[in-house]
Protein backbone atom coordinates (compact mmCIF):
# COMPACT_ATOMS: atom_id res chain seq x y z
CA MET A 1 21.35 30.46 40.23
CA LYS A 2 22.79 33.91 39.59
CA SER A 3 26.32 34.04 40.95
CA VAL A 4 28.20 30.74 40.93
CA LEU A 5 31.58 29.56 42.21
CA VAL A 6 33.24 26.44 40.75
CA THR A 7 36.09 24.93 42.75
CA GLY A 8 38.53 23.11 40.49
CA GLY A 9 37.11 25.15 37.63
CA THR A 10 40.27 25.01 35.50
CA GLY A 11 40.32 21.19 35.47
CA PHE A 12 38.88 18.77 32.93
CA ILE A 13 35.28 18.51 34.15
CA GLY A 14 35.42 21.88 35.91
CA SER A 15 36.30 23.83 32.77
CA ASN A 16 33.50 22.13 30.84
CA LEU A 17 31.12 23.06 33.67
CA VAL A 18 32.32 26.68 33.67
CA ASP A 19 31.77 26.82 29.91
CA ALA A 20 28.19 25.55 30.30
CA LEU A 21 27.36 27.93 33.17
CA LEU A 22 28.73 30.96 31.29
CA GLY A 23 26.63 29.82 28.33
CA ARG A 24 23.58 30.22 30.56
CA GLY A 25 24.51 33.84 31.25
CA LEU A 26 25.55 33.27 34.87
CA ASP A 27 28.22 35.17 36.77
CA VAL A 28 30.93 32.54 37.36
CA VAL A 29 33.91 32.67 39.72
CA VAL A 30 36.60 29.96 39.54
CA ALA A 31 38.59 28.91 42.62
CA ASP A 32 41.62 26.74 41.96
CA GLN A 33 45.12 26.07 43.24
CA LEU A 34 48.18 27.40 41.42
CA ILE A 35 50.38 24.35 41.97
CA ALA A 36 48.51 21.30 43.22
CA PRO A 37 50.36 18.17 44.46
CA ASN A 38 50.02 16.44 41.08
CA THR A 39 50.01 19.52 38.80
CA SER A 40 53.10 20.76 36.94
CA PRO A 41 53.67 24.43 36.01
CA GLU A 42 53.26 23.50 32.34
CA LEU A 43 49.89 21.89 33.03
CA TRP A 44 48.74 24.88 35.02
CA LYS A 45 49.58 27.23 32.12
CA ARG A 46 47.50 25.07 29.75
CA ARG A 47 44.60 25.14 32.19
CA LEU A 48 44.90 28.89 32.61
CA ASP A 49 45.02 29.47 28.85
CA ARG A 50 41.93 27.32 28.38
CA TYR A 51 40.04 29.22 31.06
CA HIS A 52 40.86 32.55 29.41
CA GLU A 53 39.76 31.16 26.04
CA ILE A 54 36.42 30.11 27.54
CA CYS A 55 35.88 33.57 29.03
CA LYS A 56 36.83 35.23 25.77
CA ARG A 57 34.37 33.07 23.85
CA HIS A 58 31.59 34.14 26.21
CA LYS A 59 32.73 37.77 26.14
CA THR A 60 33.22 37.97 29.89
CA GLN A 61 36.10 38.95 32.14
CA PRO A 62 37.90 36.08 33.93
CA LYS A 63 37.20 35.77 37.64
CA LEU A 64 39.88 33.44 38.93
CA GLU A 65 40.88 33.11 42.58
CA ILE A 66 44.10 31.21 43.29
CA ILE A 67 43.52 29.47 46.61
CA ASP A 68 44.54 26.38 48.57
CA LEU A 69 41.17 25.17 49.78
CA SER A 70 42.76 22.70 52.16
CA ILE A 71 43.95 25.52 54.45
CA GLU A 72 42.32 28.83 53.38
CA ARG A 73 38.76 28.58 54.67
CA GLU A 74 38.51 32.21 55.82
CA ARG A 75 39.77 33.46 52.47
CA LEU A 76 37.22 31.32 50.63
CA LYS A 77 34.48 32.79 52.82
CA ASP A 78 35.64 36.29 51.83
CA ILE A 79 35.57 35.33 48.13
CA LEU A 80 32.02 34.01 48.47
CA THR A 81 30.70 37.11 50.24
CA LYS A 82 32.57 39.57 47.99
CA ASN A 83 31.01 38.00 44.89
CA HIS A 84 27.57 37.37 46.48
CA VAL A 85 27.81 33.71 45.45
CA ASP A 86 24.55 31.79 45.84
CA THR A 87 25.63 28.42 44.35
CA VAL A 88 28.86 26.45 44.72
CA PHE A 89 29.92 23.49 42.60
CA MET A 90 32.56 21.43 44.41
CA LEU A 91 34.91 19.82 41.87
CA SER A 92 38.30 20.31 43.53
CA ALA A 93 40.09 17.05 44.25
CA VAL A 94 43.53 15.50 44.40
CA PHE A 95 43.16 12.67 41.94
CA GLY A 96 44.77 10.68 39.18
CA GLY A 97 44.14 7.41 37.39
CA ARG A 98 43.87 3.86 38.67
CA GLY A 99 47.45 3.68 39.90
CA PHE A 100 47.05 6.96 41.80
CA VAL A 101 43.94 5.78 43.66
CA ASP A 102 45.68 2.54 44.60
CA GLU A 103 49.12 3.88 45.49
CA GLN A 104 48.76 7.57 46.51
CA GLN A 105 46.07 7.38 49.16
CA GLY A 106 47.91 9.85 51.39
CA LEU A 107 47.51 12.52 48.71
CA CYS A 108 43.88 11.54 48.18
CA SER A 109 43.27 12.27 51.88
CA ILE A 110 43.79 16.00 51.23
CA GLY A 111 40.27 15.85 49.83
CA PHE A 112 38.88 15.67 53.37
CA ALA A 113 40.32 19.11 54.19
CA ILE A 114 39.36 20.62 50.82
CA ASP A 115 35.73 19.56 51.04
CA GLN A 116 35.22 20.27 54.75
CA ASN A 117 36.67 23.77 54.43
CA THR A 118 34.55 24.46 51.35
CA ILE A 119 31.30 23.33 52.97
CA ARG A 120 31.92 25.24 56.21
CA ALA A 121 32.92 28.41 54.33
CA CYS A 122 29.70 28.19 52.32
CA HIS A 123 27.65 27.87 55.50
CA GLU A 124 29.49 30.63 57.33
CA SER A 125 29.32 33.06 54.38
CA GLY A 126 25.60 33.57 54.84
CA CYS A 127 25.10 34.06 51.09
CA VAL A 128 25.45 30.54 49.65
CA GLU A 129 22.10 28.81 49.21
CA ARG A 130 23.09 25.59 47.45
CA ILE A 131 26.08 23.29 47.04
CA SER A 132 26.47 20.54 44.45
CA SER A 133 29.42 18.19 44.80
CA SER A 134 31.21 15.80 42.47
CA SER A 135 31.36 12.32 43.97
CA SER A 136 32.45 9.02 42.46
CA ALA A 137 31.53 5.42 41.79
CA CYS A 138 34.51 4.68 44.05
CA VAL A 139 32.12 5.05 47.01
CA TYR A 140 30.70 1.60 46.20
CA PRO A 141 32.01 -1.72 47.54
CA PRO A 142 34.52 -3.16 45.05
CA SER A 143 33.05 -6.61 45.69
CA LEU A 144 29.86 -5.51 43.89
CA ASN A 145 31.72 -4.70 40.67
CA LYS A 146 30.41 -7.74 38.85
CA SER A 147 29.54 -8.36 35.24
CA GLY A 148 25.82 -7.84 34.70
CA TYR A 149 25.22 -5.90 37.93
CA ALA A 150 24.54 -2.15 37.87
CA LEU A 151 25.42 -0.31 41.07
CA LYS A 152 22.49 1.39 42.85
CA GLU A 153 22.74 4.36 45.19
CA SER A 154 21.58 2.16 48.08
CA ASP A 155 24.56 -0.19 47.62
CA VAL A 156 26.85 2.11 49.62
CA LEU A 157 28.24 0.33 52.73
CA SER A 158 25.88 -2.57 52.09
CA THR A 159 28.32 -5.48 52.23
CA GLY A 160 29.62 -5.31 55.81
CA GLU A 161 33.25 -5.33 54.64
CA GLY A 162 34.51 -2.53 56.87
CA PHE A 163 37.22 -0.46 55.21
CA ALA A 164 36.90 -2.63 52.12
CA SER A 165 33.39 -1.22 51.63
CA SER A 166 34.63 1.59 49.36
CA ASP A 167 37.36 1.80 46.72
CA ASN A 168 40.36 2.79 48.88
CA LEU A 169 40.54 6.01 50.90
CA TYR A 170 39.46 8.05 47.88
CA GLY A 171 36.06 6.36 47.92
CA PHE A 172 35.57 6.94 51.63
CA GLN A 173 36.57 10.59 51.30
CA LYS A 174 33.89 11.14 48.67
CA LEU A 175 31.35 9.28 50.80
CA MET A 176 32.09 11.41 53.88
CA THR A 177 31.61 14.57 51.80
CA GLU A 178 28.20 13.26 50.72
CA LEU A 179 27.26 12.65 54.36
CA THR A 180 28.49 16.10 55.42
CA LEU A 181 26.34 17.73 52.75
CA GLN A 182 23.30 15.78 53.92
CA VAL A 183 23.94 16.91 57.51
CA PHE A 184 24.33 20.57 56.52
CA SER A 185 21.12 20.34 54.54
CA LYS A 186 19.24 18.93 57.52
CA GLU A 187 20.79 21.13 60.24
CA HIS A 188 21.36 24.43 58.40
CA GLY A 189 18.92 24.47 55.47
CA LEU A 190 21.53 24.44 52.71
CA LYS A 191 20.27 22.94 49.46
CA THR A 192 22.80 20.22 48.68
CA SER A 193 23.37 17.40 46.20
CA SER A 194 26.07 14.97 45.11
CA CYS A 195 26.68 13.29 41.76
CA ARG A 196 28.55 9.99 41.55
CA TYR A 197 30.60 9.97 38.36
CA LEU A 198 31.72 6.87 36.48
CA THR A 199 34.70 6.82 34.11
CA VAL A 200 34.34 10.31 32.65
CA TYR A 201 36.15 11.04 29.39
CA GLY A 202 36.08 13.55 26.57
CA ALA A 203 37.65 16.56 24.92
CA GLY A 204 39.74 18.70 27.24
CA GLU A 205 41.38 16.19 29.59
CA PHE A 206 45.01 16.82 30.39
CA PRO A 207 47.17 15.38 31.65
CA SER A 208 45.98 12.04 30.34
CA THR A 209 45.60 9.93 33.47
CA HIS A 210 42.33 8.08 32.84
CA ALA A 211 42.09 5.07 30.56
CA ILE A 212 40.21 6.62 27.63
CA SER A 213 42.39 9.72 27.37
CA VAL A 214 45.60 7.70 27.64
CA LEU A 215 44.47 5.25 24.96
CA CYS A 216 43.27 8.01 22.64
CA GLU A 217 46.57 9.86 22.99
CA ARG A 218 48.51 6.73 22.07
CA ALA A 219 46.30 6.23 19.04
CA VAL A 220 46.68 9.85 17.89
CA ARG A 221 50.45 9.35 18.04
CA HIS A 222 50.06 6.05 16.12
CA GLU A 223 52.04 4.13 18.73
CA ASP A 224 53.00 0.62 17.64
CA PRO A 225 53.04 -1.66 19.58
CA PHE A 226 50.01 -0.28 21.38
CA LEU A 227 50.21 -0.69 25.18
CA VAL A 228 47.05 -1.51 27.17
CA TRP A 229 47.07 -1.88 30.95
CA GLY A 230 45.59 -5.16 32.21
CA SER A 231 44.06 -8.06 30.35
CA GLY A 232 41.66 -6.02 28.24
CA GLU A 233 38.79 -8.13 29.57
CA GLN A 234 37.84 -5.60 32.26
CA GLU A 235 34.69 -3.66 31.41
CA ARG A 236 33.19 -0.25 32.20
CA GLY A 237 30.39 2.11 31.41
CA PHE A 238 31.97 5.28 29.99
CA THR A 239 30.37 8.72 30.32
CA TYR A 240 31.09 11.71 28.07
CA VAL A 241 31.95 14.91 29.92
CA ALA A 242 29.08 16.97 28.45
CA ASP A 243 26.55 14.51 29.89
CA ILE A 244 28.21 14.75 33.32
CA VAL A 245 28.06 18.55 33.24
CA GLU A 246 24.37 18.52 32.32
CA GLY A 247 23.60 16.11 35.16
CA GLN A 248 25.55 18.13 37.73
CA ILE A 249 23.68 21.34 36.85
CA LEU A 250 20.33 19.54 37.02
CA ALA A 251 21.23 18.12 40.44
CA ALA A 252 22.01 21.62 41.74
CA GLU A 253 18.66 22.84 40.44
CA LYS A 254 16.44 19.94 41.49
CA VAL A 255 17.93 18.25 44.59
CA ALA A 256 17.99 20.02 47.97
CA ASP A 257 18.38 17.35 50.67
CA GLY A 258 21.86 16.01 49.92
CA THR A 259 20.66 13.01 47.93
CA ALA A 260 23.44 11.44 45.87
CA VAL A 261 22.64 10.32 42.32
CA ASN A 262 24.55 8.19 39.84
CA LEU A 263 25.69 9.79 36.59
CA GLY A 264 26.99 7.28 34.07
CA TRP A 265 26.28 4.78 31.33
CA ASP A 266 24.81 1.44 32.33
CA LYS A 267 26.05 -0.05 29.04
CA ARG A 268 29.42 -1.81 29.47
CA TYR A 269 32.30 -2.18 27.06
CA LYS A 270 35.35 -4.41 27.42
CA ILE A 271 38.56 -2.40 27.32
CA LYS A 272 39.85 -4.50 24.41
CA ASP A 273 36.76 -3.56 22.38
CA VAL A 274 37.21 0.10 23.28
CA VAL A 275 40.84 -0.10 22.12
CA ASN A 276 39.78 -1.56 18.77
CA MET A 277 37.22 1.22 18.36
CA ILE A 278 39.84 3.87 19.18
CA ILE A 279 42.48 2.62 16.73
CA GLU A 280 39.82 2.23 14.03
CA ILE A 281 38.84 5.89 14.48
CA ALA A 282 42.54 6.86 14.49
CA GLY A 283 42.98 5.01 11.19
CA TYR A 284 45.75 2.46 11.73
CA LYS A 285 46.32 -1.15 12.87
CA PRO A 286 49.05 -1.52 15.48
CA LYS A 287 50.06 -4.66 17.34
CA LEU A 288 48.29 -4.70 20.72
CA PHE A 289 50.24 -5.45 23.91
CA PHE A 290 48.22 -6.17 27.07
CA ASP A 291 50.40 -5.70 30.16
CA LYS A 292 48.79 -7.84 32.86
CA SER A 293 51.31 -6.65 35.45
CA LYS A 294 49.65 -3.21 35.46
CA PRO A 295 46.62 -2.42 37.68
CA GLU A 296 43.30 -2.68 35.88
CA GLY A 297 40.95 -1.79 38.74
CA PRO A 298 37.54 -3.44 39.23
CA PHE A 299 36.82 -6.14 36.68
CA SER A 300 33.36 -4.75 35.85
CA ARG A 301 31.64 -1.52 36.86
CA ALA A 302 28.45 0.16 35.65
CA LEU A 303 25.81 2.34 37.27
CA ASP A 304 22.05 2.11 37.62
CA VAL A 305 20.90 5.63 36.61
CA SER A 306 17.17 5.18 37.20
CA LEU A 307 17.23 7.59 40.16
CA ALA A 308 18.86 10.33 38.07
CA LYS A 309 16.20 9.80 35.44
CA LYS A 310 13.46 10.04 38.07
CA LEU A 311 14.79 13.03 40.05
CA LEU A 312 16.59 14.99 37.34
CA GLY A 313 15.03 13.83 34.08
CA TRP A 314 18.61 12.93 33.08
CA THR A 315 19.95 10.20 30.87
CA PRO A 316 23.30 10.21 29.00
CA LYS A 317 23.06 11.26 25.36
CA VAL A 318 26.55 10.82 23.87
CA ASP A 319 27.30 7.17 23.06
CA LEU A 320 30.82 5.81 23.21
CA ARG A 321 31.75 5.97 19.54
CA GLU A 322 30.54 9.55 19.15
CA GLY A 323 32.39 10.53 22.32
CA LEU A 324 35.61 8.87 21.17
CA GLU A 325 35.40 10.63 17.81
CA LYS A 326 34.98 13.99 19.57
CA THR A 327 37.88 13.23 21.92
CA ILE A 328 40.28 12.13 19.18
CA HIS A 329 39.34 15.10 16.99
CA TRP A 330 40.14 17.46 19.88
CA MET A 331 43.47 15.74 20.55
CA LYS A 332 44.49 16.07 16.90
CA GLU A 333 43.65 19.77 17.03
CA GLN A 334 45.85 20.11 20.13
CA ASN A 335 48.75 18.21 18.47
CA LEU A 336 48.89 15.83 21.43
């Protein structure tokens, strides 16, 4: 990799990826949308400020292209050729937390256009050699989210449940992008890969839409009573953002045929235990209120990461407590 483009590069995971790539001395271009369907002007300014801070830290000039990837394929192709981009990381998505995935599937469908335009522009540019995409554990059948079972890459579409074989339209959109990348690898020689994320958290997430960031924000503000969505019995494997970034870069370097790999922790924690860990780190003891009327998503979800270990030499390094401490420390610095 020499010249890299990151779509969604001002977002939570995207900005961490840009930081890591600049740290490797690469020429990095960011493509992102000025006002996305779920992005306020205030949020965009915070993202933009963070991107400029990252560039300043690495003593490089910002290269930011404001673009709507869902409709501007030709413009993206021009950006790729102008900057002689050889590698593209696809992180653009219309996404929110659990409620968004359940209740805003129409907005999630924009991802089809974003990803198809990005892949075709890469192919048509003639300069892009490899594409690495962010996928999701939402591609897996919800019926397999069981306590004690770790989801394997081969579990996709394995249950014969039709449109219930992925987690809502968002899961199918990610799965179709994986398939498209495999096809373009086979038919056109592009080196492609996909990484299936699970419950990513860490310093730098705003707005707080995912469980960990929301809970950490409430703890930093010392909210009492302390609201928790669901019963608290649901369990997840949580993955710190730095581990995700490392895995995504390794996938771009080592996978060429569109193979999708899991990136996540196979160790599960009940949400109620995570909450207790968070408020302990925050240093207070509020009364907990579990709102069972709120969506809590799959009861149990964790990933088998043996394929990532085999193909990439990757395993997560940041355990949950260390990651929570880093996240809460960052939030206190930001006065959230």
